[in-house]
Amino acid sequence: MQAKPGDRIVIRAHTIAEHDRDGEIVEVHGPDGGPPFVVRWADSDHAVLFFPGPDAAVVHYEGSPS
């Protein structure tokens, strides 16, 4: 999993009662764009150090160069 600041991370809900969670990646601390990431969560506006699991997906920012 690789990301750049400005990309989004999405965690899909596991049940109907839950909702998807997403946030903006504001810092990347791993080598070559890998985790851990500092993520500012959209639902709380809190920024935390995040180690993504297998249920997380990166959505690349459309304006970032390839």
PDB file of N, CA and C in Angstrom:
ATOM      1  N   MET A   1       0.854  -1.170   0.000  1.00  0.00           N
ATOM      2  CA  MET A   1       0.000   0.000   0.000  1.00  0.00           C
ATOM      3  C   MET A   1       0.898   1.231   0.000  1.00  0.00           C
ATOM      4  N   GLN A   2       0.700   2.087  -1.004  1.00  0.00           N
ATOM      5  CA  GLN A   2       1.477   3.317  -1.109  1.00  0.00           C
ATOM      6  C   GLN A   2       0.534   4.503  -1.196  1.00  0.00           C
ATOM      7  N   ALA A   3       0.973   5.629  -0.635  1.00  0.00           N
ATOM      8  CA  ALA A   3       0.134   6.831  -0.631  1.00  0.00           C
ATOM      9  C   ALA A   3       1.022   8.063  -0.629  1.00  0.00           C
ATOM     10  N   LYS A   4       0.369   9.200  -0.903  1.00  0.00           N
ATOM     11  CA  LYS A   4       1.005  10.510  -0.830  1.00  0.00           C
ATOM     12  C   LYS A   4       0.090  11.411  -0.021  1.00  0.00           C
ATOM     13  N   PRO A   5       0.646  12.440   0.612  1.00  0.00           N
ATOM     14  CA  PRO A   5      -0.227  13.402   1.285  1.00  0.00           C
ATOM     15  C   PRO A   5      -1.277  13.932   0.303  1.00  0.00           C
ATOM     16  N   GLY A   6      -2.511  14.013   0.779  1.00  0.00           N
ATOM     17  CA  GLY A   6      -3.619  14.443  -0.064  1.00  0.00           C
ATOM     18  C   GLY A   6      -4.483  13.284  -0.523  1.00  0.00           C
ATOM     19  N   ASP A   7      -3.912  12.068  -0.549  1.00  0.00           N
ATOM     20  CA  ASP A   7      -4.710  10.888  -0.861  1.00  0.00           C
ATOM     21  C   ASP A   7      -5.689  10.637   0.277  1.00  0.00           C
ATOM     22  N   ARG A   8      -6.691   9.805   0.014  1.00  0.00           N
ATOM     23  CA  ARG A   8      -7.675   9.450   1.043  1.00  0.00           C
ATOM     24  C   ARG A   8      -7.522   7.973   1.377  1.00  0.00           C
ATOM     25  N   ILE A   9      -7.861   7.636   2.591  1.00  0.00           N
ATOM     26  CA  ILE A   9      -7.898   6.238   2.992  1.00  0.00           C
ATOM     27  C   ILE A   9      -9.329   5.923   3.393  1.00  0.00           C
ATOM     28  N   VAL A  10      -9.823   4.778   2.951  1.00  0.00           N
ATOM     29  CA  VAL A  10     -11.208   4.374   3.199  1.00  0.00           C
ATOM     30  C   VAL A  10     -11.194   3.003   3.857  1.00  0.00           C
ATOM     31  N   ILE A  11     -11.979   2.885   4.924  1.00  0.00           N
ATOM     32  CA  ILE A  11     -12.186   1.593   5.577  1.00  0.00           C
ATOM     33  C   ILE A  11     -13.656   1.241   5.383  1.00  0.00           C
ATOM     34  N   ARG A  12     -13.895   0.166   4.677  1.00  0.00           N
ATOM     35  CA  ARG A  12     -15.263  -0.245   4.370  1.00  0.00           C
ATOM     36  C   ARG A  12     -15.929  -0.841   5.603  1.00  0.00           C
ATOM     37  N   ALA A  13     -17.223  -0.579   5.748  1.00  0.00           N
ATOM     38  CA  ALA A  13     -18.006  -1.117   6.857  1.00  0.00           C
ATOM     39  C   ALA A  13     -18.046  -2.639   6.762  1.00  0.00           C
ATOM     40  N   HIS A  14     -18.077  -3.286   7.918  1.00  0.00           N
ATOM     41  CA  HIS A  14     -18.113  -4.749   7.953  1.00  0.00           C
ATOM     42  C   HIS A  14     -19.537  -5.281   8.069  1.00  0.00           C
ATOM     43  N   THR A  15     -20.462  -4.437   8.549  1.00  0.00           N
ATOM     44  CA  THR A  15     -21.858  -4.849   8.700  1.00  0.00           C
ATOM     45  C   THR A  15     -22.766  -3.720   8.227  1.00  0.00           C
ATOM     46  N   ILE A  16     -24.040  -4.020   8.095  1.00  0.00           N
ATOM     47  CA  ILE A  16     -25.016  -3.010   7.673  1.00  0.00           C
ATOM     48  C   ILE A  16     -25.136  -1.894   8.702  1.00  0.00           C
ATOM     49  N   ALA A  17     -24.961  -2.228   9.980  1.00  0.00           N
ATOM     50  CA  ALA A  17     -25.120  -1.242  11.048  1.00  0.00           C
ATOM     51  C   ALA A  17     -23.959  -0.239  11.113  1.00  0.00           C
ATOM     52  N   GLU A  18     -22.841  -0.560  10.494  1.00  0.00           N
ATOM     53  CA  GLU A  18     -21.683   0.331  10.506  1.00  0.00           C
ATOM     54  C   GLU A  18     -21.677   1.205   9.255  1.00  0.00           C
ATOM     55  N   HIS A  19     -20.841   2.221   9.259  1.00  0.00           N
ATOM     56  CA  HIS A  19     -20.671   3.055   8.068  1.00  0.00           C
ATOM     57  C   HIS A  19     -19.204   3.035   7.650  1.00  0.00           C
ATOM     58  N   ASP A  20     -18.955   3.329   6.375  1.00  0.00           N
ATOM     59  CA  ASP A  20     -17.581   3.445   5.905  1.00  0.00           C
ATOM     60  C   ASP A  20     -16.920   4.596   6.642  1.00  0.00           C
ATOM     61  N   ARG A  21     -15.616   4.499   6.820  1.00  0.00           N
ATOM     62  CA  ARG A  21     -14.864   5.575   7.463  1.00  0.00           C
ATOM     63  C   ARG A  21     -13.787   6.021   6.487  1.00  0.00           C
ATOM     64  N   ASP A  22     -13.601   7.335   6.373  1.00  0.00           N
ATOM     65  CA  ASP A  22     -12.560   7.816   5.466  1.00  0.00           C
ATOM     66  C   ASP A  22     -11.857   9.026   6.071  1.00  0.00           C
ATOM     67  N   GLY A  23     -10.674   9.279   5.564  1.00  0.00           N
ATOM     68  CA  GLY A  23      -9.900  10.412   6.023  1.00  0.00           C
ATOM     69  C   GLY A  23      -8.833  10.782   5.014  1.00  0.00           C
ATOM     70  N   GLU A  24      -8.256  11.945   5.219  1.00  0.00           N
ATOM     71  CA  GLU A  24      -7.185  12.438   4.353  1.00  0.00           C
ATOM     72  C   GLU A  24      -5.841  12.052   4.938  1.00  0.00           C
ATOM     73  N   ILE A  25      -4.970  11.533   4.097  1.00  0.00           N
ATOM     74  CA  ILE A  25      -3.603  11.227   4.518  1.00  0.00           C
ATOM     75  C   ILE A  25      -2.831  12.537   4.500  1.00  0.00           C
ATOM     76  N   VAL A  26      -2.346  12.962   5.673  1.00  0.00           N
ATOM     77  CA  VAL A  26      -1.633  14.236   5.753  1.00  0.00           C
ATOM     78  C   VAL A  26      -0.120  14.059   5.849  1.00  0.00           C
ATOM     79  N   GLU A  27       0.328  12.872   6.280  1.00  0.00           N
ATOM     80  CA  GLU A  27       1.766  12.569   6.327  1.00  0.00           C
ATOM     81  C   GLU A  27       1.962  11.085   6.030  1.00  0.00           C
ATOM     82  N   VAL A  28       3.088  10.778   5.401  1.00  0.00           N
ATOM     83  CA  VAL A  28       3.465   9.393   5.119  1.00  0.00           C
ATOM     84  C   VAL A  28       4.801   9.143   5.805  1.00  0.00           C
ATOM     85  N   HIS A  29       4.863   8.120   6.658  1.00  0.00           N
ATOM     86  CA  HIS A  29       6.082   7.879   7.430  1.00  0.00           C
ATOM     87  C   HIS A  29       6.856   6.644   7.002  1.00  0.00           C
ATOM     88  N   GLY A  30       6.281   5.808   6.154  1.00  0.00           N
ATOM     89  CA  GLY A  30       6.953   4.594   5.722  1.00  0.00           C
ATOM     90  C   GLY A  30       7.818   4.834   4.504  1.00  0.00           C
ATOM     91  N   PRO A  31       8.715   3.889   4.232  1.00  0.00           N
ATOM     92  CA  PRO A  31       9.555   4.022   3.045  1.00  0.00           C
ATOM     93  C   PRO A  31       8.724   3.885   1.768  1.00  0.00           C
ATOM     94  N   ASP A  32       9.094   4.635   0.754  1.00  0.00           N
ATOM     95  CA  ASP A  32       8.453   4.575  -0.563  1.00  0.00           C
ATOM     96  C   ASP A  32       6.944   4.782  -0.509  1.00  0.00           C
ATOM     97  N   GLY A  33       6.474   5.644   0.386  1.00  0.00           N
ATOM     98  CA  GLY A  33       5.048   5.949   0.459  1.00  0.00           C
ATOM     99  C   GLY A  33       4.221   4.954   1.235  1.00  0.00           C
ATOM    100  N   GLY A  34       4.886   4.065   1.960  1.00  0.00           N
ATOM    101  CA  GLY A  34       4.164   3.048   2.721  1.00  0.00           C
ATOM    102  C   GLY A  34       3.747   3.525   4.097  1.00  0.00           C
ATOM    103  N   PRO A  35       2.950   2.715   4.786  1.00  0.00           N
ATOM    104  CA  PRO A  35       2.489   3.072   6.130  1.00  0.00           C
ATOM    105  C   PRO A  35       3.639   3.036   7.136  1.00  0.00           C
ATOM    106  N   PRO A  36       3.440   3.664   8.276  1.00  0.00           N
ATOM    107  CA  PRO A  36       2.212   4.257   8.792  1.00  0.00           C
ATOM    108  C   PRO A  36       1.953   5.635   8.188  1.00  0.00           C
ATOM    109  N   PHE A  37       0.685   6.047   8.277  1.00  0.00           N
ATOM    110  CA  PHE A  37       0.250   7.336   7.773  1.00  0.00           C
ATOM    111  C   PHE A  37      -0.341   8.154   8.919  1.00  0.00           C
ATOM    112  N   VAL A  38      -0.222   9.472   8.831  1.00  0.00           N
ATOM    113  CA  VAL A  38      -1.005  10.337   9.709  1.00  0.00           C
ATOM    114  C   VAL A  38      -2.265  10.662   8.924  1.00  0.00           C
ATOM    115  N   VAL A  39      -3.419  10.293   9.505  1.00  0.00           N
ATOM    116  CA  VAL A  39      -4.711  10.446   8.838  1.00  0.00           C
ATOM    117  C   VAL A  39      -5.587  11.398   9.641  1.00  0.00           C
ATOM    118  N   ARG A  40      -6.196  12.355   8.934  1.00  0.00           N
ATOM    119  CA  ARG A  40      -7.191  13.240   9.547  1.00  0.00           C
ATOM    120  C   ARG A  40      -8.551  12.685   9.151  1.00  0.00           C
ATOM    121  N   TRP A  41      -9.246  12.083  10.148  1.00  0.00           N
ATOM    122  CA  TRP A  41     -10.516  11.423   9.888  1.00  0.00           C
ATOM    123  C   TRP A  41     -11.620  12.441   9.625  1.00  0.00           C
ATOM    124  N   ALA A  42     -12.437  12.195   8.603  1.00  0.00           N
ATOM    125  CA  ALA A  42     -13.504  13.112   8.210  1.00  0.00           C
ATOM    126  C   ALA A  42     -14.596  13.214   9.266  1.00  0.00           C
ATOM    127  N   ASP A  43     -14.865  12.121   9.995  1.00  0.00           N
ATOM    128  CA  ASP A  43     -15.970  12.132  10.957  1.00  0.00           C
ATOM    129  C   ASP A  43     -15.642  12.820  12.273  1.00  0.00           C
ATOM    130  N   SER A  44     -14.355  13.009  12.554  1.00  0.00           N
ATOM    131  CA  SER A  44     -13.988  13.620  13.834  1.00  0.00           C
ATOM    132  C   SER A  44     -13.013  14.783  13.692  1.00  0.00           C
ATOM    133  N   ASP A  45     -12.382  14.915  12.532  1.00  0.00           N
ATOM    134  CA  ASP A  45     -11.354  15.923  12.263  1.00  0.00           C
ATOM    135  C   ASP A  45     -10.107  15.744  13.126  1.00  0.00           C
ATOM    136  N   HIS A  46      -9.955  14.572  13.758  1.00  0.00           N
ATOM    137  CA  HIS A  46      -8.754  14.268  14.533  1.00  0.00           C
ATOM    138  C   HIS A  46      -7.707  13.627  13.631  1.00  0.00           C
ATOM    139  N   ALA A  47      -6.454  14.013  13.817  1.00  0.00           N
ATOM    140  CA  ALA A  47      -5.350  13.418  13.070  1.00  0.00           C
ATOM    141  C   ALA A  47      -4.624  12.438  13.977  1.00  0.00           C
ATOM    142  N   VAL A  48      -4.427  11.211  13.476  1.00  0.00           N
ATOM    143  CA  VAL A  48      -3.780  10.159  14.258  1.00  0.00           C
ATOM    144  C   VAL A  48      -2.806   9.381  13.385  1.00  0.00           C
ATOM    145  N   LEU A  49      -1.837   8.740  14.038  1.00  0.00           N
ATOM    146  CA  LEU A  49      -0.935   7.832  13.344  1.00  0.00           C
ATOM    147  C   LEU A  49      -1.702   6.542  13.103  1.00  0.00           C
ATOM    148  N   PHE A  50      -1.759   6.086  11.855  1.00  0.00           N
ATOM    149  CA  PHE A  50      -2.617   4.969  11.476  1.00  0.00           C
ATOM    150  C   PHE A  50      -1.821   3.907  10.733  1.00  0.00           C
ATOM    151  N   PHE A  51      -1.958   2.672  11.186  1.00  0.00           N
ATOM    152  CA  PHE A  51      -1.368   1.511  10.536  1.00  0.00           C
ATOM    153  C   PHE A  51      -2.515   0.744   9.874  1.00  0.00           C
ATOM    154  N   PRO A  52      -2.694   0.856   8.559  1.00  0.00           N
ATOM    155  CA  PRO A  52      -3.862   0.262   7.903  1.00  0.00           C
ATOM    156  C   PRO A  52      -3.838  -1.262   7.923  1.00  0.00           C
ATOM    157  N   GLY A  53      -5.038  -1.825   8.041  1.00  0.00           N
ATOM    158  CA  GLY A  53      -5.210  -3.264   7.970  1.00  0.00           C
ATOM    159  C   GLY A  53      -5.677  -3.664   6.584  1.00  0.00           C
ATOM    160  N   PRO A  54      -6.035  -4.937   6.416  1.00  0.00           N
ATOM    161  CA  PRO A  54      -6.442  -5.426   5.097  1.00  0.00           C
ATOM    162  C   PRO A  54      -7.781  -4.872   4.615  1.00  0.00           C
ATOM    163  N   ASP A  55      -8.547  -4.245   5.506  1.00  0.00           N
ATOM    164  CA  ASP A  55      -9.839  -3.674   5.117  1.00  0.00           C
ATOM    165  C   ASP A  55      -9.731  -2.221   4.672  1.00  0.00           C
ATOM    166  N   ALA A  56      -8.523  -1.679   4.610  1.00  0.00           N
ATOM    167  CA  ALA A  56      -8.305  -0.277   4.226  1.00  0.00           C
ATOM    168  C   ALA A  56      -7.856  -0.197   2.766  1.00  0.00           C
ATOM    169  N   ALA A  57      -8.279   0.866   2.097  1.00  0.00           N
ATOM    170  CA  ALA A  57      -7.879   1.101   0.705  1.00  0.00           C
ATOM    171  C   ALA A  57      -7.506   2.570   0.539  1.00  0.00           C
ATOM    172  N   VAL A  58      -6.472   2.818  -0.257  1.00  0.00           N
ATOM    173  CA  VAL A  58      -6.048   4.183  -0.563  1.00  0.00           C
ATOM    174  C   VAL A  58      -6.739   4.625  -1.844  1.00  0.00           C
ATOM    175  N   VAL A  59      -7.303   5.828  -1.823  1.00  0.00           N
ATOM    176  CA  VAL A  59      -7.882   6.450  -3.007  1.00  0.00           C
ATOM    177  C   VAL A  59      -6.966   7.616  -3.350  1.00  0.00           C
ATOM    178  N   HIS A  60      -6.276   7.495  -4.472  1.00  0.00           N
ATOM    179  CA  HIS A  60      -5.282   8.490  -4.836  1.00  0.00           C
ATOM    180  C   HIS A  60      -5.930   9.786  -5.278  1.00  0.00           C
ATOM    181  N   TYR A  61      -5.337  10.884  -4.837  1.00  0.00           N
ATOM    182  CA  TYR A  61      -5.793  12.222  -5.191  1.00  0.00           C
ATOM    183  C   TYR A  61      -5.618  12.409  -6.697  1.00  0.00           C
ATOM    184  N   GLU A  62      -6.669  12.845  -7.372  1.00  0.00           N
ATOM    185  CA  GLU A  62      -6.634  12.977  -8.834  1.00  0.00           C
ATOM    186  C   GLU A  62      -5.647  14.003  -9.331  1.00  0.00           C
ATOM    187  N   GLY A  63      -5.321  15.017  -8.515  1.00  0.00           N
ATOM    188  CA  GLY A  63      -4.414  16.069  -8.939  1.00  0.00           C
ATOM    189  C   GLY A  63      -2.950  15.743  -8.737  1.00  0.00           C
ATOM    190  N   SER A  64      -2.632  14.584  -8.138  1.00  0.00           N
ATOM    191  CA  SER A  64      -1.225  14.263  -7.877  1.00  0.00           C
ATOM    192  C   SER A  64      -0.572  13.685  -9.134  1.00  0.00           C
ATOM    193  N   PRO A  65       0.691  14.019  -9.365  1.00  0.00           N
ATOM    194  CA  PRO A  65       1.389  13.483 -10.527  1.00  0.00           C
ATOM    195  C   PRO A  65       1.629  11.989 -10.377  1.00  0.00           C
ATOM    196  N   SER A  66       1.633  11.263 -11.456  1.00  0.00           N
ATOM    197  CA  SER A  66       1.843   9.804 -11.427  1.00  0.00           C
ATOM    198  C   SER A  66       3.290   9.459 -11.289  1.00  0.00           C
TER     199      SER A  66
END
